[in-house]
Amino acid sequence: MLLELYHRVWEGGILPQSWKEAVVVPIRKPGKDNTDPGNYRPTALTSNICKIMGCMINERLMYYNESKGYISKCQSGFRRGRNTMDPVLCLEYEVRKAQINKESVVDVFFDIEKAYDTMWREGLLNKIRKMGINGQMFEWIKNFLMGRLIQVRIGIVLSEKFPVENGTPQGSTVSPLLFSLMINYVFNGIKDGMGFSRFADDGAIWKRGENVKFIVKKLQEAIGKVEEWSYKWFKFSVEKTKTMFFTRKKVREDLKLKLYSQELERVNKFKFLGIWFDERITWGVHIQSIMDKSKKVLNIMRCLVGSEWGADRKSMKAIFNGLIRSVLDYGCVAYNSAAKTTLLKLNSIQNQALRLCTGAFKNNPISSFTGRDG
């Protein structure tokens, strides 16, 4: 019955109205003021039946674009065989190479303002038509984007329904690919000699060289090209776009980069795709962030442990794998180059967690519950 429904929707090119309605649940961002509406992350709940068909459409659309080579090589988001580590390792490689050659790397981390919510639908439809996407696929995407309604839910109270005139639907499996196609050419105007990467709406451009002043000049030209593209498609957030100088040299304070004629803030650390970069790639800031997160989980695990009550070993191990080990594993291929003394701090966190999982005493040797020495 479900397959028959999908056939009728595909052939007719018209989606049921209930598929195009979403209930938005605002979730407060961690550590933010709950009185400011801007500190809430809207989570859209949509039709599960539509999501299943969206997966089918996404598979066909992805295959078509990959086979034709339409998706930019620098885009790593929502593609097979790609993940967040691709842009991270590309940037780390450039910085390491610069350190060996006694050079500098200047990076600009871009942030698109309300990326998914402000996407120009008609512009997207024009783009995919130029890519040769026509017929039933084009009609499905067009009907999928148009005539959408949302309502906000607080507790059990629902607001009235409001029309959505721009953007891609949140929570849909096909939305990330459509967004990627929309920003596909954001870095196309940048000349050779620049490095750049994208993961969905997180983008970065950088340049390596000996003369920092010359690097800044060339990066400013590249920012100008990105600005020209943004006037037609998206607006970048000056407040959230940051610059970072990976160098051991002393940099003059008057060397500034601008976006929309406004100076960009220079930072000495930045969180790029979940990984904290510092100016010398020591990974100390990132490892400290891992420890801070893990210590909070350790305190929760201590509350769950008891000799005659509390969670069993299997449950404790699941908590460890889900909330601590996953944090340790993410990005380890990059931060593994940190100093040995810095990395040993993470062993302490893991050993404490495993003692709680196994019920080992503090004086038990580490090899008794980890299966390794030290």
Foldseek 3Di string as FASTA:
>chain_A
DLVVVLVVCLVVLADPQQQQEWEWEWAADPPDDPVDPVRTDIAIDGDPSVQVVLVVLQVVVLVLCVVVVLFDPQEQAPHPPGDLVVVVVVVLVQLVVCVVVQKKKKKKKWAFDVQQQAFDPVLLLVLVVVVVDDDSSSSNSVNSAPDHWYWYDDPNDIDDIDTRRDGHDPPHPNRQVSQSSLCRCLQVVQDPQKDKHDHRRIIMIMHMDHDPLVRLVSVLVSLVSSLVVCVPTTDIDLAPIEMEMQHPDDDDPPSFHDHPNHTHHYDQWDQRSNQIAGSPLLSLVVLVVLVVQLVVLLVVLVVQADPVGGDALVVLVVSCVVRRVVSVPVPCVRNVPHDPVSVVVSVVSVQSSQCSSVVPDPPDASCVRPVDHD
